[in-house]
Amino acid sequence: MKVWTDLEQRHEKLVGAEHKEARHGVEQQLRHLAREIKQDGPLGRTLQERSRSLGIEMGSPLDEVLKARTLERAQELSLPARSRGIERGLGL
């Protein structure tokens, strides 16, 4: 959980074109973690069952990864909203 949180926080700080490569690297790490979680069935189920006690907020990217039905969807949802082209209040 700490690794995921650290990556999310690092991603949030990498704003602007000058940080594009670093931001992409963090996004790759988030996708990799999402893949590991989805491919390890027992781990994914345990995290989902204990999500609230572990501090995983409802609706957070990690929560969405845990709920995703497919690996592809989990990897897409692993990225923060702004990286998926979703801006606050403009979820079209």
N, C-alpha and C. Protein backbone atom coordinates (compact mmCIF):
# COMPACT_ATOMS: atom_id res chain seq x y z
N MET A 1 0.83 -1.18 0.00
CA MET A 1 0.00 0.00 0.00
C MET A 1 0.88 1.26 0.00
N LYS A 2 1.94 1.20 0.74
CA LYS A 2 2.82 2.37 0.81
C LYS A 2 3.44 2.68 -0.55
N VAL A 3 3.84 1.66 -1.27
CA VAL A 3 4.44 1.87 -2.59
C VAL A 3 3.44 2.56 -3.50
N TRP A 4 2.20 2.07 -3.51
CA TRP A 4 1.15 2.67 -4.35
C TRP A 4 0.95 4.14 -3.98
N THR A 5 0.80 4.39 -2.70
CA THR A 5 0.58 5.76 -2.23
C THR A 5 1.74 6.67 -2.59
N ASP A 6 2.96 6.18 -2.41
CA ASP A 6 4.14 6.96 -2.77
C ASP A 6 4.16 7.29 -4.25
N LEU A 7 3.82 6.31 -5.09
CA LEU A 7 3.79 6.56 -6.54
C LEU A 7 2.71 7.58 -6.91
N GLU A 8 1.54 7.46 -6.31
CA GLU A 8 0.48 8.43 -6.58
C GLU A 8 0.92 9.85 -6.20
N GLN A 9 1.55 9.97 -5.05
CA GLN A 9 2.00 11.29 -4.59
C GLN A 9 3.10 11.84 -5.50
N ARG A 10 4.00 10.98 -5.91
CA ARG A 10 5.06 11.41 -6.82
C ARG A 10 4.45 11.88 -8.16
N HIS A 11 3.47 11.13 -8.64
CA HIS A 11 2.81 11.48 -9.90
C HIS A 11 2.14 12.85 -9.81
N GLU A 12 1.49 13.12 -8.69
CA GLU A 12 0.81 14.40 -8.50
C GLU A 12 1.78 15.58 -8.57
N LYS A 13 3.00 15.37 -8.16
CA LYS A 13 4.00 16.45 -8.14
C LYS A 13 4.63 16.68 -9.51
N LEU A 14 4.51 15.72 -10.40
CA LEU A 14 5.14 15.82 -11.72
C LEU A 14 4.21 16.47 -12.72
N VAL A 15 4.10 17.78 -12.62
CA VAL A 15 3.21 18.55 -13.48
C VAL A 15 4.05 19.32 -14.50
N GLY A 16 3.57 19.39 -15.71
CA GLY A 16 4.25 20.17 -16.73
C GLY A 16 5.04 19.31 -17.70
N ALA A 17 5.28 19.89 -18.85
CA ALA A 17 5.98 19.17 -19.92
C ALA A 17 7.39 18.75 -19.54
N GLU A 18 8.03 19.53 -18.68
CA GLU A 18 9.40 19.20 -18.31
C GLU A 18 9.50 17.92 -17.48
N HIS A 19 8.37 17.43 -16.98
CA HIS A 19 8.35 16.21 -16.17
C HIS A 19 7.67 15.05 -16.89
N LYS A 20 7.48 15.20 -18.19
CA LYS A 20 6.75 14.18 -18.96
C LYS A 20 7.38 12.79 -18.84
N GLU A 21 8.68 12.70 -19.00
CA GLU A 21 9.34 11.39 -18.93
C GLU A 21 9.25 10.78 -17.55
N ALA A 22 9.47 11.57 -16.52
CA ALA A 22 9.38 11.06 -15.15
C ALA A 22 7.96 10.63 -14.84
N ARG A 23 6.98 11.43 -15.28
CA ARG A 23 5.57 11.09 -15.05
C ARG A 23 5.23 9.78 -15.74
N HIS A 24 5.72 9.61 -16.96
CA HIS A 24 5.48 8.36 -17.70
C HIS A 24 6.08 7.16 -16.95
N GLY A 25 7.26 7.34 -16.38
CA GLY A 25 7.88 6.27 -15.61
C GLY A 25 7.05 5.86 -14.41
N VAL A 26 6.50 6.84 -13.72
CA VAL A 26 5.64 6.55 -12.56
C VAL A 26 4.37 5.84 -13.03
N GLU A 27 3.81 6.29 -14.14
CA GLU A 27 2.61 5.64 -14.68
C GLU A 27 2.88 4.18 -15.03
N GLN A 28 4.05 3.89 -15.58
CA GLN A 28 4.43 2.52 -15.89
C GLN A 28 4.50 1.68 -14.61
N GLN A 29 5.03 2.26 -13.55
CA GLN A 29 5.13 1.54 -12.27
C GLN A 29 3.73 1.27 -11.71
N LEU A 30 2.83 2.23 -11.82
CA LEU A 30 1.46 2.02 -11.34
C LEU A 30 0.77 0.91 -12.14
N ARG A 31 0.97 0.91 -13.45
CA ARG A 31 0.38 -0.15 -14.28
C ARG A 31 0.95 -1.52 -13.89
N HIS A 32 2.24 -1.55 -13.62
CA HIS A 32 2.89 -2.81 -13.23
C HIS A 32 2.30 -3.33 -11.91
N LEU A 33 2.13 -2.44 -10.95
CA LEU A 33 1.52 -2.85 -9.67
C LEU A 33 0.10 -3.35 -9.87
N ALA A 34 -0.65 -2.65 -10.71
CA ALA A 34 -2.03 -3.08 -11.00
C ALA A 34 -2.02 -4.49 -11.60
N ARG A 35 -1.09 -4.75 -12.51
CA ARG A 35 -0.99 -6.07 -13.12
C ARG A 35 -0.66 -7.13 -12.07
N GLU A 36 0.27 -6.82 -11.18
CA GLU A 36 0.63 -7.78 -10.12
C GLU A 36 -0.56 -8.09 -9.22
N ILE A 37 -1.31 -7.06 -8.86
CA ILE A 37 -2.47 -7.25 -7.99
C ILE A 37 -3.52 -8.12 -8.68
N LYS A 38 -3.81 -7.84 -9.95
CA LYS A 38 -4.85 -8.59 -10.66
C LYS A 38 -4.42 -10.02 -10.96
N GLN A 39 -3.13 -10.23 -11.20
CA GLN A 39 -2.67 -11.57 -11.53
C GLN A 39 -2.51 -12.46 -10.31
N ASP A 40 -2.42 -11.86 -9.13
CA ASP A 40 -2.33 -12.63 -7.89
C ASP A 40 -3.71 -12.61 -7.25
N GLY A 41 -4.54 -13.56 -7.63
CA GLY A 41 -5.93 -13.60 -7.16
C GLY A 41 -6.09 -13.48 -5.66
N PRO A 42 -5.37 -14.30 -4.87
CA PRO A 42 -5.53 -14.20 -3.41
C PRO A 42 -5.15 -12.81 -2.87
N LEU A 43 -4.10 -12.22 -3.42
CA LEU A 43 -3.70 -10.89 -2.97
C LEU A 43 -4.79 -9.87 -3.29
N GLY A 44 -5.29 -9.90 -4.51
CA GLY A 44 -6.34 -8.96 -4.91
C GLY A 44 -7.59 -9.08 -4.05
N ARG A 45 -8.00 -10.32 -3.79
CA ARG A 45 -9.19 -10.54 -2.95
C ARG A 45 -8.97 -10.06 -1.53
N THR A 46 -7.79 -10.34 -0.99
CA THR A 46 -7.48 -9.91 0.38
C THR A 46 -7.47 -8.39 0.47
N LEU A 47 -6.84 -7.74 -0.49
CA LEU A 47 -6.81 -6.27 -0.49
C LEU A 47 -8.22 -5.69 -0.61
N GLN A 48 -9.03 -6.29 -1.44
CA GLN A 48 -10.40 -5.79 -1.60
C GLN A 48 -11.21 -6.00 -0.32
N GLU A 49 -11.08 -7.17 0.29
CA GLU A 49 -11.82 -7.45 1.52
C GLU A 49 -11.41 -6.54 2.67
N ARG A 50 -10.14 -6.19 2.72
CA ARG A 50 -9.63 -5.38 3.82
C ARG A 50 -9.35 -3.93 3.43
N SER A 51 -9.85 -3.52 2.30
CA SER A 51 -9.50 -2.21 1.75
C SER A 51 -9.73 -1.06 2.72
N ARG A 52 -10.87 -1.02 3.37
CA ARG A 52 -11.15 0.11 4.27
C ARG A 52 -10.22 0.11 5.47
N SER A 53 -9.95 -1.07 6.03
CA SER A 53 -9.06 -1.12 7.19
C SER A 53 -7.61 -0.82 6.80
N LEU A 54 -7.29 -0.98 5.52
CA LEU A 54 -5.94 -0.66 5.04
C LEU A 54 -5.82 0.80 4.61
N GLY A 55 -6.92 1.52 4.67
CA GLY A 55 -6.88 2.94 4.31
C GLY A 55 -7.08 3.21 2.83
N ILE A 56 -7.59 2.24 2.09
CA ILE A 56 -7.86 2.45 0.67
C ILE A 56 -9.21 3.16 0.56
N GLU A 57 -9.17 4.38 0.05
CA GLU A 57 -10.39 5.19 -0.02
C GLU A 57 -11.31 4.72 -1.13
N MET A 58 -12.60 4.71 -0.85
CA MET A 58 -13.59 4.35 -1.83
C MET A 58 -13.50 5.31 -3.01
N GLY A 59 -13.40 4.77 -4.21
CA GLY A 59 -13.33 5.58 -5.41
C GLY A 59 -11.92 5.99 -5.81
N SER A 60 -10.93 5.66 -4.99
CA SER A 60 -9.54 5.98 -5.33
C SER A 60 -9.09 5.08 -6.48
N PRO A 61 -8.02 5.47 -7.18
CA PRO A 61 -7.53 4.60 -8.25
C PRO A 61 -7.26 3.17 -7.79
N LEU A 62 -6.67 3.00 -6.60
CA LEU A 62 -6.40 1.65 -6.12
C LEU A 62 -7.70 0.89 -5.85
N ASP A 63 -8.69 1.54 -5.29
CA ASP A 63 -9.99 0.92 -5.08
C ASP A 63 -10.59 0.47 -6.41
N GLU A 64 -10.47 1.32 -7.42
CA GLU A 64 -11.00 0.98 -8.74
C GLU A 64 -10.24 -0.19 -9.37
N VAL A 65 -8.93 -0.25 -9.16
CA VAL A 65 -8.13 -1.37 -9.66
C VAL A 65 -8.62 -2.67 -9.01
N LEU A 66 -8.84 -2.63 -7.71
CA LEU A 66 -9.29 -3.83 -7.00
C LEU A 66 -10.65 -4.31 -7.50
N LYS A 67 -11.51 -3.39 -7.91
CA LYS A 67 -12.85 -3.74 -8.37
C LYS A 67 -12.91 -4.10 -9.86
N ALA A 68 -11.87 -3.75 -10.61
CA ALA A 68 -11.88 -3.98 -12.06
C ALA A 68 -12.03 -5.46 -12.37
N ARG A 69 -12.81 -5.74 -13.40
CA ARG A 69 -13.07 -7.13 -13.79
C ARG A 69 -11.97 -7.72 -14.67
N THR A 70 -11.24 -6.85 -15.38
CA THR A 70 -10.20 -7.35 -16.27
C THR A 70 -8.87 -6.68 -15.95
N LEU A 71 -7.80 -7.34 -16.36
CA LEU A 71 -6.46 -6.79 -16.18
C LEU A 71 -6.31 -5.49 -16.96
N GLU A 72 -6.81 -5.46 -18.18
CA GLU A 72 -6.69 -4.26 -19.00
C GLU A 72 -7.37 -3.07 -18.35
N ARG A 73 -8.56 -3.30 -17.83
CA ARG A 73 -9.30 -2.21 -17.17
C ARG A 73 -8.57 -1.77 -15.89
N ALA A 74 -8.03 -2.71 -15.16
CA ALA A 74 -7.29 -2.38 -13.94
C ALA A 74 -6.09 -1.51 -14.26
N GLN A 75 -5.38 -1.84 -15.33
CA GLN A 75 -4.21 -1.04 -15.70
C GLN A 75 -4.62 0.36 -16.14
N GLU A 76 -5.73 0.48 -16.83
CA GLU A 76 -6.23 1.79 -17.23
C GLU A 76 -6.61 2.61 -16.00
N LEU A 77 -7.29 1.98 -15.06
CA LEU A 77 -7.76 2.68 -13.86
C LEU A 77 -6.64 2.98 -12.87
N SER A 78 -5.49 2.35 -13.05
CA SER A 78 -4.38 2.59 -12.12
C SER A 78 -3.83 4.00 -12.23
N LEU A 79 -4.10 4.66 -13.33
CA LEU A 79 -3.58 6.01 -13.54
C LEU A 79 -4.49 7.05 -12.91
N PRO A 80 -3.90 8.07 -12.35
CA PRO A 80 -4.72 9.17 -11.82
C PRO A 80 -5.59 9.76 -12.93
N ALA A 81 -6.73 10.32 -12.56
CA ALA A 81 -7.71 10.82 -13.53
C ALA A 81 -7.11 11.76 -14.56
N ARG A 82 -6.23 12.65 -14.15
CA ARG A 82 -5.70 13.62 -15.12
C ARG A 82 -4.87 12.95 -16.20
N SER A 83 -4.29 11.81 -15.91
CA SER A 83 -3.52 11.09 -16.91
C SER A 83 -4.42 10.30 -17.85
N ARG A 84 -5.64 10.07 -17.44
CA ARG A 84 -6.61 9.37 -18.29
C ARG A 84 -7.45 10.36 -19.09
N GLY A 85 -7.12 11.66 -19.00
CA GLY A 85 -7.87 12.66 -19.74
C GLY A 85 -9.14 13.09 -19.06
N ILE A 86 -9.25 12.81 -17.78
CA ILE A 86 -10.45 13.19 -17.03
C ILE A 86 -10.06 14.30 -16.09
N GLU A 87 -10.66 15.43 -16.28
CA GLU A 87 -10.41 16.56 -15.41
C GLU A 87 -11.56 16.67 -14.42
N ARG A 88 -11.30 17.26 -13.29
CA ARG A 88 -12.34 17.42 -12.28
C ARG A 88 -13.54 18.17 -12.85
N GLY A 89 -14.71 17.58 -12.66
CA GLY A 89 -15.94 18.21 -13.10
C GLY A 89 -16.21 18.08 -14.58
N LEU A 90 -15.29 17.48 -15.33
CA LEU A 90 -15.49 17.33 -16.77
C LEU A 90 -15.53 15.89 -17.19
N GLY A 91 -15.93 15.00 -16.32
CA GLY A 91 -15.97 13.58 -16.63
C GLY A 91 -16.95 13.26 -17.73
N LEU A 92 -16.55 13.53 -18.96
CA LEU A 92 -17.44 13.31 -20.11
C LEU A 92 -17.44 11.89 -20.55
